[in-house]
Protein backbone atom coordinates (compact mmCIF):
# COMPACT_ATOMS: atom_id res chain seq x y z
CA UNK A 1 114.77 137.19 60.77
CA UNK A 2 116.61 135.60 63.72
CA UNK A 3 117.49 137.65 66.80
CA UNK A 4 120.43 135.39 67.59
CA UNK A 5 123.76 137.23 67.76
CA UNK A 6 126.19 134.84 69.48
CA UNK A 7 125.99 131.10 70.05
CA UNK A 8 128.55 129.32 72.24
CA UNK A 9 128.34 125.53 71.95
CA UNK A 10 130.26 123.03 74.15
CA UNK A 11 133.18 125.43 74.64
CA UNK A 12 136.26 123.94 76.32
CA UNK A 13 139.33 125.98 77.27
CA UNK A 14 142.16 124.21 79.09
CA UNK A 15 145.41 125.36 80.69
CA UNK A 16 148.52 123.25 81.17
CA UNK A 17 150.05 124.04 84.58
CA UNK A 18 152.71 122.53 86.85
CA UNK A 19 149.89 120.97 88.88
CA UNK A 20 148.37 119.38 85.79
CA UNK A 21 145.57 120.19 83.34
CA UNK A 22 143.08 122.88 84.45
CA UNK A 23 139.71 122.75 82.68
CA UNK A 24 138.97 126.47 83.11
CA UNK A 25 135.95 126.31 80.77
CA UNK A 26 134.40 122.86 80.67
CA UNK A 27 131.64 122.24 78.10
CA UNK A 28 129.92 125.65 78.30
CA UNK A 29 126.96 126.51 76.05
CA UNK A 30 124.83 129.69 75.96
CA UNK A 31 123.23 132.17 73.56
CA UNK A 32 123.14 135.96 73.28
CA UNK A 33 120.30 137.68 71.44
CA UNK A 34 120.27 141.13 69.83
CA UNK A 35 119.65 143.91 72.37
CA UNK A 36 120.03 141.52 75.32
CA UNK A 37 122.23 141.75 78.43
CA UNK A 38 123.41 138.38 79.71
CA UNK A 39 125.09 138.29 83.11
CA UNK A 40 127.74 135.65 83.87
CA UNK A 41 128.22 135.29 87.61
CA UNK A 42 130.47 133.18 89.83
CA UNK A 43 133.41 133.33 92.24
CA UNK A 44 137.04 133.86 91.19
CA UNK A 45 138.17 130.72 89.39
CA UNK A 46 134.68 129.82 88.18
CA UNK A 47 135.70 130.33 84.53
CA UNK A 48 133.61 133.41 83.77
CA UNK A 49 136.52 135.66 82.65
CA UNK A 50 138.17 132.82 80.68
CA UNK A 51 134.83 132.29 78.87
CA UNK A 52 134.83 135.96 77.78
CA UNK A 53 138.52 135.86 76.77
CA UNK A 54 137.78 132.71 74.74
CA UNK A 55 135.01 134.57 72.85
CA UNK A 56 137.54 137.34 72.11
CA UNK A 57 140.23 134.72 71.23
CA UNK A 58 142.56 136.36 73.77
CA UNK A 59 143.59 133.19 75.65
CA UNK A 60 147.38 133.30 76.24
CA UNK A 61 148.89 130.35 74.39
CA UNK A 62 150.77 128.65 75.95
CA UNK A 63 149.62 127.70 78.57
CA UNK A 64 145.96 128.08 77.51
CA UNK A 65 144.11 126.73 74.50
CA UNK A 66 140.54 126.39 73.20
CA UNK A 67 140.41 122.60 72.75
CA UNK A 68 136.79 122.12 71.69
CA UNK A 69 133.43 123.65 70.88
CA UNK A 70 132.37 126.51 68.64
CA UNK A 71 131.69 130.24 69.01
CA UNK A 72 129.22 131.18 66.29
CA UNK A 73 128.92 134.91 65.55
CA UNK A 74 125.79 135.81 63.56
CA UNK A 75 126.88 138.87 61.59
CA UNK A 76 125.12 141.06 59.02
CA UNK A 77 123.01 139.52 56.25
CA UNK A 78 122.71 136.21 58.09
CA UNK A 79 126.43 135.43 57.80
CA UNK A 80 127.53 132.96 60.54
CA UNK A 81 131.22 132.71 61.46
CA UNK A 82 132.86 130.27 63.87
CA UNK A 83 135.35 132.50 65.72
CA UNK A 84 137.30 129.45 66.89
CA UNK A 85 138.25 128.61 63.30
CA UNK A 86 139.03 132.02 61.75
CA UNK A 87 142.67 133.13 61.33
CA UNK A 88 144.25 135.59 63.78
CA UNK A 89 144.24 138.29 61.06
CA UNK A 90 140.49 137.81 60.47
CA UNK A 91 139.87 137.77 64.22
CA UNK A 92 141.54 141.18 64.57
CA UNK A 93 138.92 142.64 62.23
CA UNK A 94 136.11 141.29 64.45
CA UNK A 95 137.72 142.59 67.67
CA UNK A 96 136.74 146.20 68.24
CA UNK A 97 134.50 146.39 65.17
CA UNK A 98 131.98 143.69 66.11
CA UNK A 99 132.98 142.46 69.58
CA UNK A 100 134.59 144.76 72.11
CA UNK A 101 135.71 144.29 75.72
CA UNK A 102 136.00 146.39 78.89
CA UNK A 103 138.69 144.77 81.02
CA UNK A 104 138.54 144.33 84.77
CA UNK A 105 141.34 146.64 85.92
CA UNK A 106 141.47 149.91 83.95
CA UNK A 107 144.85 150.97 85.39
CA UNK A 108 146.59 147.89 83.97
CA UNK A 109 144.54 147.93 80.74
CA UNK A 110 145.49 151.52 79.86
CA UNK A 111 149.06 152.21 78.72
CA UNK A 112 150.67 154.57 81.30
CA UNK A 113 152.96 156.28 78.73
CA UNK A 114 150.18 157.40 76.33
CA UNK A 115 147.45 159.95 76.98
CA UNK A 116 143.88 158.69 77.32
CA UNK A 117 142.90 160.50 74.12
CA UNK A 118 145.69 158.87 72.10
CA UNK A 119 144.67 155.40 73.26
CA UNK A 120 141.02 155.83 72.22
CA UNK A 121 142.09 157.47 68.94
CA UNK A 122 144.33 154.48 68.20
CA UNK A 123 141.31 152.12 68.36
CA UNK A 124 139.31 154.38 66.02
CA UNK A 125 142.17 154.79 63.50
CA UNK A 126 142.82 151.03 63.51
CA UNK A 127 139.25 150.03 62.66
CA UNK A 128 137.77 153.01 60.80
CA UNK A 129 138.88 154.83 57.69
CA UNK A 130 139.00 158.36 59.15
CA UNK A 131 141.56 161.16 59.48
CA UNK A 132 143.39 161.98 62.73
CA UNK A 133 141.33 165.16 63.13
CA UNK A 134 138.09 163.20 62.73
CA UNK A 135 139.34 160.52 65.18
CA UNK A 136 140.15 163.22 67.76
CA UNK A 137 136.71 164.82 67.31
CA UNK A 138 135.03 161.43 67.73
CA UNK A 139 137.13 160.66 70.85
CA UNK A 140 136.07 163.92 72.54
CA UNK A 141 132.43 163.18 71.60
CA UNK A 142 132.80 159.72 73.20
CA UNK A 143 134.26 161.27 76.37
CA UNK A 144 131.18 163.55 76.50
CA UNK A 145 128.92 160.53 75.98
CA UNK A 146 130.47 158.63 78.89
CA UNK A 147 130.00 161.77 81.04
CA UNK A 148 133.65 162.55 81.69
CA UNK A 149 134.14 166.08 83.08
CA UNK A 150 136.16 168.43 80.83
CA UNK A 151 136.66 165.97 77.92
CA UNK A 152 139.41 168.14 76.31
CA UNK A 153 141.49 168.01 79.52
CA UNK A 154 141.02 164.23 79.86
CA UNK A 155 141.98 163.78 76.20
CA UNK A 156 145.46 165.10 77.11
CA UNK A 157 145.63 163.45 80.56
CA UNK A 158 147.56 160.29 81.43
CA UNK A 159 145.81 157.36 83.20
CA UNK A 160 147.49 158.05 86.58
CA UNK A 161 145.93 161.53 86.60
CA UNK A 162 142.38 160.13 86.67
CA UNK A 163 140.25 158.55 89.40
CA UNK A 164 139.18 154.88 89.19
CA UNK A 165 135.70 155.80 87.92
CA UNK A 166 137.13 158.15 85.26
CA UNK A 167 139.60 155.48 84.03
CA UNK A 168 136.69 153.04 83.75
CA UNK A 169 134.76 155.58 81.65
CA UNK A 170 137.78 155.96 79.32
CA UNK A 171 137.78 152.15 78.90
CA UNK A 172 134.05 152.22 78.10
CA UNK A 173 134.63 155.00 75.54
CA UNK A 174 137.38 152.90 73.92
CA UNK A 175 135.15 149.80 73.84
CA UNK A 176 132.25 151.79 72.35
CA UNK A 177 134.43 153.67 69.82
CA UNK A 178 133.51 151.45 66.85
CA UNK A 179 129.86 150.82 67.81
CA UNK A 180 130.36 147.08 68.46
CA UNK A 181 127.47 144.64 68.18
CA UNK A 182 128.63 142.81 71.34
CA UNK A 183 130.18 144.48 74.39
CA UNK A 184 131.85 142.19 76.95
CA UNK A 185 132.24 143.88 80.35
CA UNK A 186 134.55 141.93 82.67
CA UNK A 187 134.00 143.05 86.29
CA UNK A 188 133.80 146.72 85.17
CA UNK A 189 132.65 148.00 88.59
CA UNK A 190 134.75 145.92 91.03
CA UNK A 191 136.26 148.07 93.84
CA UNK A 192 134.47 151.24 92.63
CA UNK A 193 132.37 153.34 95.02
CA UNK A 194 128.72 152.27 95.02
CA UNK A 195 127.73 155.72 93.69
CA UNK A 196 130.27 155.50 90.83
CA UNK A 197 129.19 151.89 90.21
CA UNK A 198 125.56 152.98 89.85
CA UNK A 199 126.57 155.71 87.37
CA UNK A 200 128.64 153.23 85.31
CA UNK A 201 125.74 150.71 85.20
CA UNK A 202 123.27 153.42 84.10
CA UNK A 203 125.77 154.66 81.51
CA UNK A 204 126.27 151.19 80.02
CA UNK A 205 122.50 150.60 79.80
CA UNK A 206 122.05 153.98 78.08
CA UNK A 207 124.89 153.44 75.58
CA UNK A 208 123.63 149.92 74.81
CA UNK A 209 120.34 151.38 73.59
CA UNK A 210 122.05 154.24 71.74
CA UNK A 211 124.26 152.00 69.59
CA UNK A 212 121.86 149.00 69.66
CA UNK A 213 124.40 146.53 71.04
CA UNK A 214 124.21 143.47 73.31
CA UNK A 215 126.18 143.05 76.54
CA UNK A 216 127.84 140.09 78.25
CA UNK A 217 128.29 141.40 81.80
CA UNK A 218 130.68 139.43 84.04
CA UNK A 219 130.66 139.90 87.81
CA UNK A 220 130.84 138.06 91.14
CA UNK A 221 128.00 140.16 92.57
CA UNK A 222 124.42 139.05 91.93
CA UNK A 223 123.24 142.43 93.29
CA UNK A 224 124.85 144.14 90.28
CA UNK A 225 123.38 141.51 87.93
CA UNK A 226 119.89 142.36 89.26
CA UNK A 227 120.36 145.98 88.15
CA UNK A 228 121.41 145.36 84.54
CA UNK A 229 120.90 141.80 83.18
CA UNK A 230 117.99 140.17 81.33
CA UNK A 231 119.30 136.62 81.74
CA UNK A 232 121.82 135.11 84.17
CA UNK A 233 124.38 132.32 83.74
CA UNK A 234 125.82 130.96 87.00
CA UNK A 235 129.25 129.31 86.68
CA UNK A 236 131.09 127.07 89.15
CA UNK A 237 134.48 125.42 88.48
CA UNK A 238 134.31 125.87 84.71
CA UNK A 239 130.74 124.63 84.27
CA UNK A 240 127.33 126.31 84.02
CA UNK A 241 125.30 125.11 87.01
CA UNK A 242 122.20 127.21 86.36
CA UNK A 243 120.88 129.71 83.82
CA UNK A 244 117.59 131.51 83.31
CA UNK A 245 115.87 134.89 83.37
CA UNK A 246 117.09 137.26 86.08
CA UNK A 247 113.61 137.15 87.67
CA UNK A 248 113.53 133.33 87.83
CA UNK A 249 117.07 133.10 89.27
CA UNK A 250 116.34 135.62 92.04
CA UNK A 251 112.79 134.52 92.87
CA UNK A 252 113.35 130.76 92.67
CA UNK A 253 117.04 129.69 92.56
CA UNK A 254 117.44 125.93 91.97
CA UNK A 255 121.13 125.19 92.48
CA UNK A 256 122.68 125.35 95.99
CA UNK A 257 125.60 127.39 94.63
CA UNK A 258 123.22 130.07 93.31
CA UNK A 259 121.43 130.10 96.68
CA UNK A 260 124.78 130.61 98.42
CA UNK A 261 125.76 133.53 96.15
CA UNK A 262 122.39 135.18 96.76
CA UNK A 263 122.55 134.71 100.53
CA UNK A 264 126.09 135.95 101.15
CA UNK A 265 125.42 139.58 100.17
CA UNK A 266 124.95 141.72 103.34
CA UNK A 267 121.17 142.23 103.67
CA UNK A 268 119.85 145.74 104.26
CA UNK A 269 116.46 145.14 105.83
CA UNK A 270 117.67 142.96 108.71
CA UNK A 271 120.71 142.46 110.96
CA UNK A 272 122.54 139.12 111.01
CA UNK A 273 124.95 137.64 113.55
CA UNK A 274 127.04 136.32 110.65
CA UNK A 275 126.68 136.19 106.88
CA UNK A 276 125.61 132.93 105.20
CA UNK A 277 128.29 131.55 102.85
CA UNK A 278 128.27 129.08 99.94
CA UNK A 279 129.44 126.35 102.35
CA UNK A 280 126.14 126.68 104.26
CA UNK A 281 124.32 125.47 101.15
CA UNK A 282 126.67 122.92 99.60
CA UNK A 283 129.90 120.99 99.85
CA UNK A 284 131.95 119.27 97.18
CA UNK A 285 132.88 115.64 97.75
CA UNK A 286 136.71 115.47 97.59
CA UNK A 287 136.79 112.04 95.97
CA UNK A 288 134.00 112.25 93.40
CA UNK A 289 133.68 116.03 92.87
CA UNK A 290 129.91 115.66 93.39
CA UNK A 291 128.02 118.62 94.88
CA UNK A 292 126.13 117.72 98.07
CA UNK A 293 123.27 120.07 98.99
CA UNK A 294 123.15 121.04 102.69
CA UNK A 295 120.32 123.62 102.93
CA UNK A 296 117.38 124.01 100.58
CA UNK A 297 116.11 127.48 101.50
CA UNK A 298 117.89 130.85 101.59
CA UNK A 299 115.22 132.14 104.01
CA UNK A 300 115.82 129.32 106.52
CA UNK A 301 119.59 129.90 106.61
CA UNK A 302 119.18 133.68 106.98
CA UNK A 303 116.56 133.28 109.72
CA UNK A 304 118.90 131.06 111.76
CA UNK A 305 121.46 133.90 112.10
CA UNK A 306 119.07 136.86 112.43
CA UNK A 307 119.47 139.34 115.31
CA UNK A 308 116.45 141.20 116.74
CA UNK A 309 116.44 145.03 116.93
CA UNK A 310 116.19 144.77 120.72
CA UNK A 311 119.38 142.67 120.88
CA UNK A 312 121.14 145.31 118.76
CA UNK A 313 119.96 148.13 121.06
CA UNK A 314 121.01 146.19 124.17
CA UNK A 315 124.52 145.61 122.79
CA UNK A 316 124.97 149.30 121.95
CA UNK A 317 123.69 150.40 125.38
CA UNK A 318 126.12 147.97 127.06
CA UNK A 319 129.07 149.31 125.01
CA UNK A 320 128.24 152.91 125.98
CA UNK A 321 128.39 152.14 129.73
CA UNK A 322 132.23 151.96 129.40
CA UNK A 323 134.85 154.68 129.22
CA UNK A 324 135.78 155.41 125.57
CA UNK A 325 138.90 153.60 124.34
CA UNK A 326 139.57 156.35 121.77
CA UNK A 327 138.55 160.01 121.90
CA UNK A 328 139.03 162.21 118.82
CA UNK A 329 138.44 165.97 119.10
CA UNK A 330 138.50 168.64 116.35
CA UNK A 331 140.97 166.62 114.27
CA UNK A 332 142.30 168.23 111.10
CA UNK A 333 144.59 166.67 108.50
CA UNK A 334 145.34 169.17 105.74
CA UNK A 335 147.75 168.73 102.83
CA UNK A 336 149.36 171.77 101.13
CA UNK A 337 148.68 172.04 97.38
CA UNK A 338 150.07 175.48 96.46
CA UNK A 339 152.87 177.58 97.96
CA UNK A 340 154.02 181.09 97.15
CA UNK A 341 157.58 182.13 96.20
CA UNK A 342 158.63 182.17 99.87
CA UNK A 343 157.26 178.69 100.58
CA UNK A 344 154.16 179.83 102.45
CA UNK A 345 151.14 177.62 101.84
CA UNK A 346 148.42 179.36 99.79
CA UNK A 347 145.90 176.51 99.42
CA UNK A 348 145.19 173.28 101.31
CA UNK A 349 143.33 170.03 100.65
CA UNK A 350 141.25 169.62 103.80
CA UNK A 351 141.21 165.80 103.83
CA UNK A 352 140.01 165.64 107.46
CA UNK A 353 138.38 168.83 108.68
CA UNK A 354 137.27 169.28 112.30
CA UNK A 355 136.24 165.68 113.10
CA UNK A 356 135.23 164.56 116.61
CA UNK A 357 133.99 161.15 117.87
CA UNK A 358 134.50 158.44 120.52
CA UNK A 359 135.07 154.69 120.12
CA UNK A 360 134.11 152.29 122.94
CA UNK A 361 135.95 149.06 123.90
CA UNK A 362 134.62 146.08 121.91
CA UNK A 363 132.74 148.32 119.46
CA UNK A 364 132.90 148.34 115.67
CA UNK A 365 132.60 151.91 114.41
CA UNK A 366 131.94 152.14 110.66
CA UNK A 367 133.35 154.93 108.47
CA UNK A 368 131.54 155.23 105.15
CA UNK A 369 131.72 157.64 102.22
CA UNK A 370 132.83 158.01 98.61
CA UNK A 371 136.48 158.03 97.48
CA UNK A 372 138.07 161.32 98.50
CA UNK A 373 135.78 161.89 101.48
CA UNK A 374 138.69 161.58 103.93
CA UNK A 375 137.88 158.25 105.60
CA UNK A 376 141.22 156.54 104.80
CA UNK A 377 143.21 159.67 105.74
CA UNK A 378 141.32 159.77 109.05
CA UNK A 379 142.21 156.12 109.74
CA UNK A 380 145.88 156.74 108.92
CA UNK A 381 145.98 159.90 111.06
CA UNK A 382 144.68 157.97 114.08
CA UNK A 383 147.77 155.70 113.82
CA UNK A 384 150.16 158.61 113.09
CA UNK A 385 150.70 157.30 109.54
CA UNK A 386 149.54 160.71 108.24
CA UNK A 387 150.40 164.01 109.99
CA UNK A 388 147.61 165.81 111.84
CA UNK A 389 147.50 169.61 111.50
CA UNK A 390 145.58 170.16 114.73
CA UNK A 391 143.18 168.54 117.19
CA UNK A 392 143.64 165.69 119.66
CA UNK A 393 143.62 161.86 119.62
CA UNK A 394 143.41 160.30 123.09
CA UNK A 395 143.90 156.51 123.33
CA UNK A 396 143.53 155.01 126.83
CA UNK A 397 144.23 158.42 128.34
CA UNK A 398 147.41 159.01 126.26
CA UNK A 399 147.65 161.83 123.72
CA UNK A 400 148.86 160.04 120.57
CA UNK A 401 149.89 163.26 118.81
CA UNK A 402 152.28 164.15 121.70
CA UNK A 403 154.04 160.77 121.97
CA UNK A 404 157.71 160.38 121.01
CA UNK A 405 158.69 157.98 118.20
CA UNK A 406 159.81 155.35 120.74
CA UNK A 407 156.57 155.61 122.75
CA UNK A 408 154.56 155.46 119.53
CA UNK A 409 156.46 152.34 118.43
CA UNK A 410 155.51 150.68 121.73
CA UNK A 411 151.86 151.69 121.28
CA UNK A 412 151.75 150.22 117.75
CA UNK A 413 151.59 146.77 119.35
CA UNK A 414 148.08 147.69 120.50
CA UNK A 415 146.95 149.59 117.38
CA UNK A 416 147.07 147.83 114.02
CA UNK A 417 145.76 148.37 110.48
CA UNK A 418 144.59 145.96 107.76
CA UNK A 419 145.23 147.74 104.45
CA UNK A 420 142.96 147.84 101.39
CA UNK A 421 145.13 145.89 98.95
CA UNK A 422 146.54 142.72 100.54
CA UNK A 423 148.90 142.06 97.62
CA UNK A 424 150.73 145.39 97.79
CA UNK A 425 150.88 145.33 101.61
CA UNK A 426 152.73 141.97 101.61
CA UNK A 427 156.39 141.79 100.59
CA UNK A 428 156.51 139.49 97.51
CA UNK A 429 160.00 138.28 98.51
CA UNK A 430 158.97 137.12 101.99
CA UNK A 431 157.10 133.90 102.68
CA UNK A 432 153.87 134.55 104.51
CA UNK A 433 155.29 132.88 107.62
CA UNK A 434 158.17 135.38 107.64
CA UNK A 435 155.80 138.29 106.95
CA UNK A 436 153.63 137.41 109.97
CA UNK A 437 156.67 136.69 112.18
CA UNK A 438 158.51 139.93 111.32
CA UNK A 439 156.51 142.33 113.58
CA UNK A 440 156.87 139.82 116.44
CA UNK A 441 160.67 139.89 115.98
CA UNK A 442 160.72 143.72 115.83
CA UNK A 443 158.79 144.00 119.11
CA UNK A 444 160.57 141.10 120.83
CA UNK A 445 157.43 139.02 121.35
CA UNK A 446 158.16 135.47 122.60
CA UNK A 447 161.66 134.15 123.34
CA UNK A 448 162.74 132.43 120.11
CA UNK A 449 161.87 132.04 116.41
CA UNK A 450 160.67 128.47 116.99
CA UNK A 451 158.10 129.76 119.52
CA UNK A 452 157.15 132.53 117.09
CA UNK A 453 156.71 129.97 114.29
CA UNK A 454 154.31 128.01 116.50
CA UNK A 455 152.40 131.24 117.17
CA UNK A 456 152.28 132.09 113.43
CA UNK A 457 150.85 128.63 112.64
CA UNK A 458 148.26 129.14 115.39
CA UNK A 459 147.34 132.53 113.87
CA UNK A 460 147.06 131.05 110.37
CA UNK A 461 144.70 128.35 111.66
CA UNK A 462 142.69 131.00 113.55
CA UNK A 463 142.24 132.78 110.20
CA UNK A 464 141.09 129.59 108.41
CA UNK A 465 144.46 128.92 106.74
CA UNK A 466 146.65 125.85 107.26
CA UNK A 467 150.13 125.24 108.73
CA UNK A 468 151.55 124.09 105.36
CA UNK A 469 151.00 127.62 104.00
CA UNK A 470 153.86 128.92 106.20
CA UNK A 471 156.58 128.66 103.52
CA UNK A 472 154.54 129.86 100.55
CA UNK A 473 154.77 133.29 98.90
CA UNK A 474 151.94 135.87 98.52
CA UNK A 475 151.50 135.26 94.76
CA UNK A 476 150.52 131.64 95.48
CA UNK A 477 147.28 132.70 97.19
CA UNK A 478 143.90 134.04 96.11
CA UNK A 479 142.75 137.55 97.09
CA UNK A 480 140.64 136.23 99.97
CA UNK A 481 143.50 134.12 101.30
CA UNK A 482 145.91 137.08 101.10
CA UNK A 483 143.43 139.18 103.06
CA UNK A 484 143.30 136.48 105.76
CA UNK A 485 147.13 136.51 105.87
CA UNK A 486 147.01 140.29 106.47
CA UNK A 487 144.46 139.73 109.27
CA UNK A 488 146.81 137.12 110.82
CA UNK A 489 149.72 139.60 110.60
CA UNK A 490 147.64 142.31 112.30
CA UNK A 491 146.83 139.84 115.13
CA UNK A 492 150.51 138.85 115.64
CA UNK A 493 151.11 141.61 118.20
CA UNK A 494 147.93 140.90 120.24
CA UNK A 495 146.39 144.31 119.45
CA UNK A 496 143.26 145.72 121.07
CA UNK A 497 142.36 148.25 118.38
CA UNK A 498 142.33 147.47 114.62
CA UNK A 499 141.52 149.75 111.66
CA UNK A 500 140.18 147.82 108.63
CA UNK A 501 140.71 150.08 105.60
CA UNK A 502 138.53 148.91 102.68
CA UNK A 503 139.76 145.43 103.54
CA UNK A 504 137.04 143.58 101.56
CA UNK A 505 136.29 146.02 98.71
CA UNK A 506 137.95 144.03 95.90
CA UNK A 507 136.89 140.55 97.03
CA UNK A 508 134.19 138.25 95.64
CA UNK A 509 130.97 138.61 97.64
CA UNK A 510 131.32 134.99 98.81
CA UNK A 511 134.94 135.51 99.96
CA UNK A 512 133.94 138.91 101.40
CA UNK A 513 131.34 137.14 103.55
CA UNK A 514 134.00 134.72 104.88
CA UNK A 515 136.42 137.57 105.77
CA UNK A 516 133.66 139.64 107.44
CA UNK A 517 132.56 136.59 109.46
CA UNK A 518 136.18 136.01 110.48
CA UNK A 519 136.53 139.62 111.70
CA UNK A 520 133.32 139.33 113.74
CA UNK A 521 134.40 135.97 115.19
CA UNK A 522 137.78 137.45 116.21
CA UNK A 523 136.05 140.44 117.82
CA UNK A 524 133.91 138.10 119.93
CA UNK A 525 136.84 135.84 120.89
CA UNK A 526 139.48 138.47 121.64
CA UNK A 527 137.32 141.54 122.46
CA UNK A 528 138.82 143.63 119.66
CA UNK A 529 137.73 147.18 118.88
CA UNK A 530 137.43 148.01 115.16
CA UNK A 531 137.14 151.07 112.98
CA UNK A 532 135.77 149.61 109.75
CA UNK A 533 136.26 151.79 106.64
CA UNK A 534 134.36 151.14 103.40
CA UNK A 535 132.58 152.91 100.54
CA UNK A 536 129.84 150.24 100.67
CA UNK A 537 127.16 151.20 103.16
CA UNK A 538 125.63 147.69 103.16
CA UNK A 539 128.94 146.16 104.35
CA UNK A 540 129.45 148.90 106.97
CA UNK A 541 125.89 148.45 108.23
CA UNK A 542 126.42 144.71 108.66
CA UNK A 543 129.73 145.10 110.51
CA UNK A 544 129.11 148.19 112.64
CA UNK A 545 127.41 149.08 115.91
CA UNK A 546 127.58 152.77 115.07
CA UNK A 547 128.32 154.50 111.78
CA UNK A 548 129.94 157.76 110.69
CA UNK A 549 129.08 159.09 107.22
CA UNK A 550 131.89 161.30 105.85
CA UNK A 551 131.81 163.78 102.98
CA UNK A 552 134.57 166.21 101.91
CA UNK A 553 136.53 165.74 105.12
CA UNK A 554 133.62 166.38 107.47
CA UNK A 555 131.12 164.19 109.32
CA UNK A 556 127.72 164.33 107.61
CA UNK A 557 125.98 162.25 110.28
CA UNK A 558 126.77 159.79 113.04
CA UNK A 559 124.66 157.32 115.02
CA UNK A 560 123.53 153.66 115.36
CA UNK A 561 124.10 151.86 112.04
CA UNK A 562 120.50 150.63 111.68
CA UNK A 563 119.13 154.07 112.58
CA UNK A 564 121.22 155.81 109.89
CA UNK A 565 120.13 153.28 107.25
CA UNK A 566 116.43 153.32 108.20
CA UNK A 567 116.16 157.07 108.87
CA UNK A 568 118.95 158.99 107.09
CA UNK A 569 118.98 162.67 107.98
CA UNK A 570 121.13 164.02 105.15
CA UNK A 571 120.63 163.89 101.33
CA UNK A 572 124.25 162.63 100.93
CA UNK A 573 123.52 159.57 103.11
CA UNK A 574 120.33 158.93 101.16
CA UNK A 575 122.37 159.07 97.92
CA UNK A 576 124.75 156.39 99.27
CA UNK A 577 121.80 154.18 100.29
CA UNK A 578 120.06 154.60 96.92
CA UNK A 579 123.25 153.56 95.09
CA UNK A 580 123.48 150.13 96.80
CA UNK A 581 122.44 147.29 94.43
CA UNK A 582 119.53 145.85 96.40
CA UNK A 583 118.77 142.74 94.32
CA UNK A 584 115.13 142.85 95.45
CA UNK A 585 112.74 140.60 93.50
CA UNK A 586 110.12 143.41 93.46
CA UNK A 587 112.60 145.80 91.79
CA UNK A 588 113.55 143.16 89.18
CA UNK A 589 109.85 142.51 88.53
CA UNK A 590 109.24 146.23 87.91
CA UNK A 591 112.33 146.59 85.67
CA UNK A 592 111.54 143.48 83.61
CA UNK A 593 107.80 144.15 83.47
CA UNK A 594 107.09 140.58 84.64
């Protein structure tokens, strides 16, 4: 009896756009066996999500269309069905029952006006012949299975009342509700805390065995693939450039694009001056579209940018010889949650609770911890974007908490923030040129708008963008480009101190590497001081001279970044380190039993 479950042969999915025909999936072929997890990896725009949507027959038409190939589903009793050719009505019976999907962004995939329980029940009632009472019972059982706390409460809760990790678990419960043979997971852990990500990956592996299903796991992060997949498919511009067992891909990658994806993840065992990127390994000829290999070995590229431990120690010692730029003492930011009849606060959320530290000129201080630990609130409090309850913040000898609004406005030229989501922090109605120019106009920098326009173009070019982007709108750019625009806007006022709040958490690892390299390059050129906030300890370790680990509003530990990673003092820090997808060949070998 054959183990084959899904066979994709010469699949082609095209989109008609104003710029012409886009071959999003271009002659793609692969197989999925029973009980197997296949990882599809590549940057945004590589075609990996469109491949999965094609399998589900969810391509929006127009502008998209499957124009060629076949998707053969090997069902029960040896029945083989080409999903490209079945009617929409027949396809609806396969969706959910046989092939199910966890979408990338749970907040937009869940309906905000229905409770989470109702939405999972709907899927069960649609595909299974059961009563409402039975569907409710099964939904609560599924919520228990996906390890949601208080399943009865979450059954009646709306999506906005849950955290990102909880919403993702609801999506997994919905996808698993009919025990599908194939589960497609499209970037199910992007932008989640590394600890939540690890839990989700373990949960999916456990449920796969429980219901005996197969998984197509789509991600941009090869580190995640190393934790869960049996085989890997690497996609670039709509085509498969390499595929093989996860062990072969990690131990001996053949294609320069695969080498680039492997190299651009921040390494944990060594410190680098900058992260390798895909462009270090290959370039695409503009005329022919041919890929030209530039470097053959990941190890050689990494070695060329490695920093010795002594160099790291020398830099930190040099930074500490200066007077601190920022001094924070006993800072508290509490938010009231309950008041009595007379308006007196009964209970508080202690988001930042008695925090003290210094930041030196030219230093990058990392703030790391899970969602809800208080790191973002701390960053916002330092800029007076959140109200402090008590404590002191001294910047260049000035007490920030005692400044008037006018004095604070003047100081904002020196203190800037790059927010987590570049799309929501840019006004969709303003061109990016206007968005970058606006703070310069507010603060009266330079004499005229023509001078400011020249400065904006200079800033765009500094951030690896081009002058002809000036009159375009935010929606016309990729996530990485939008993040660079936000960096350019932060630089417009010539600041000295910048807070980066989760500014790379939702980016492809390859784009993340480019943005991190840009931030380091700007620090060296303009002597910036950063506070770098992230839930990902590997990214914070790469960026930071020193690191603060936060938990429940308090500092768990603080010290040199390498020291904290190599010799963590607290169990919480060790938990964060253990949750990082390492992508080590030795770990893959042990997991696969090679």
